[in-house]
């Protein structure tokens, strides 16, 4: 598989050059576990200044991604955030491995 590339402009040169993902990616990424409360997910998003968090299993394997849009929004928001886990709200999609989320 070829390495992922991103094109960008060279400063003061105006020509496009290939950039590798590792040049752009974040290190020390904030994550949540599937059983963490939604309140904890919101707190980590706020501390990190992000709207998406990888959901990982106990050994750090990616299960999926939780976004700020997945989290409860209601009049009783704080109660819902405390009572709900990341597993309860994680979006369905091709990135989600439900068997790992549910421990089976």
Protein backbone atom coordinates (compact mmCIF):
# COMPACT_ATOMS: atom_id res chain seq x y z
CA UNK A 1 0.00 0.00 0.00
CA UNK A 2 1.37 3.42 -0.92
CA UNK A 3 1.90 5.93 1.89
CA UNK A 4 -0.86 8.50 2.35
CA UNK A 5 0.04 11.88 0.91
CA UNK A 6 -1.30 15.37 1.33
CA UNK A 7 -0.46 18.21 -1.00
CA UNK A 8 0.33 21.66 0.22
CA UNK A 9 2.02 24.83 -0.99
CA UNK A 10 5.64 25.49 -0.21
CA UNK A 11 6.01 28.83 1.58
CA UNK A 12 7.03 31.59 -0.84
CA UNK A 13 7.36 29.17 -3.74
CA UNK A 14 3.76 28.57 -4.86
CA UNK A 15 4.35 24.99 -5.99
CA UNK A 16 2.67 21.89 -4.60
CA UNK A 17 4.69 19.26 -2.76
CA UNK A 18 3.73 15.90 -1.27
CA UNK A 19 3.54 15.74 2.53
CA UNK A 20 3.39 12.56 4.57
CA UNK A 21 0.63 12.06 7.13
CA UNK A 22 3.23 11.64 9.90
CA UNK A 23 4.27 15.26 9.28
CA UNK A 24 0.74 16.44 10.10
CA UNK A 25 -0.59 13.92 12.63
CA UNK A 26 -0.96 14.53 16.31
CA UNK A 27 1.07 12.68 18.87
CA UNK A 28 -0.10 11.93 22.43
CA UNK A 29 -3.73 11.73 21.32
CA UNK A 30 -6.42 12.00 24.02
CA UNK A 31 -8.69 8.92 23.96
CA UNK A 32 -11.68 7.45 25.83
CA UNK A 33 -12.69 3.91 26.65
CA UNK A 34 -16.06 2.42 25.70
CA UNK A 35 -17.21 2.32 29.33
CA UNK A 36 -16.16 5.91 30.15
CA UNK A 37 -19.06 8.24 30.90
CA UNK A 38 -20.15 10.74 28.30
CA UNK A 39 -19.35 13.45 30.88
CA UNK A 40 -15.74 12.24 30.91
CA UNK A 41 -15.67 12.32 27.09
CA UNK A 42 -16.92 15.93 27.11
CA UNK A 43 -14.31 16.90 29.71
CA UNK A 44 -11.50 15.35 27.66
CA UNK A 45 -12.71 17.06 24.49
CA UNK A 46 -12.81 20.39 26.32
CA UNK A 47 -9.31 19.93 27.83
CA UNK A 48 -7.85 18.93 24.47
CA UNK A 49 -9.72 21.49 22.37
CA UNK A 50 -11.11 18.79 20.04
CA UNK A 51 -14.55 17.60 18.92
CA UNK A 52 -13.66 13.96 18.19
CA UNK A 53 -12.00 11.31 20.36
CA UNK A 54 -10.80 7.85 19.42
CA UNK A 55 -12.50 5.13 21.47
CA UNK A 56 -9.95 2.48 22.39
CA UNK A 57 -9.97 -0.89 24.13
CA UNK A 58 -7.84 -1.54 27.25
CA UNK A 59 -4.74 -2.30 25.18
CA UNK A 60 -5.12 0.81 22.99
CA UNK A 61 -6.75 -0.80 19.94
CA UNK A 62 -9.11 1.46 18.01
CA UNK A 63 -12.79 0.61 18.40
CA UNK A 64 -14.28 3.74 16.87
CA UNK A 65 -14.65 7.48 17.25
CA UNK A 66 -17.01 9.50 19.43
CA UNK A 67 -17.85 13.06 18.38
CA UNK A 68 -19.41 16.01 20.13
CA UNK A 69 -22.53 15.34 18.00
CA UNK A 70 -22.84 11.84 19.46
CA UNK A 71 -23.13 13.16 23.00
CA UNK A 72 -26.52 13.78 24.65
CA UNK A 73 -28.08 17.19 24.10
CA UNK A 74 -31.13 17.78 26.19
CA UNK A 75 -32.55 19.88 28.98
CA UNK A 76 -31.21 17.29 31.40
CA UNK A 77 -27.84 17.24 29.68
CA UNK A 78 -25.61 16.79 32.73
CA UNK A 79 -27.70 13.91 34.08
CA UNK A 80 -27.70 12.25 30.64
CA UNK A 81 -23.93 12.71 30.32
CA UNK A 82 -23.31 11.13 33.72
CA UNK A 83 -25.64 8.18 33.15
CA UNK A 84 -24.60 7.40 29.56
CA UNK A 85 -21.39 5.66 28.54
CA UNK A 86 -19.48 6.20 25.33
CA UNK A 87 -20.79 2.78 24.17
CA UNK A 88 -24.36 4.08 24.51
CA UNK A 89 -23.82 6.97 22.10
CA UNK A 90 -21.04 6.01 19.69
CA UNK A 91 -22.11 6.46 16.07
CA UNK A 92 -22.80 3.48 13.87
CA UNK A 93 -20.63 3.27 10.81
CA UNK A 94 -17.82 1.42 9.08
CA UNK A 95 -15.30 2.54 11.72
CA UNK A 96 -17.15 0.93 14.62
CA UNK A 97 -16.28 -2.60 15.74
CA UNK A 98 -19.36 -3.40 17.86
CA UNK A 99 -17.99 -6.83 18.83
CA UNK A 100 -15.06 -5.17 20.56
CA UNK A 101 -17.27 -2.51 22.15
CA UNK A 102 -19.59 -5.12 23.58
CA UNK A 103 -16.75 -7.40 24.63
CA UNK A 104 -17.66 -10.30 22.39
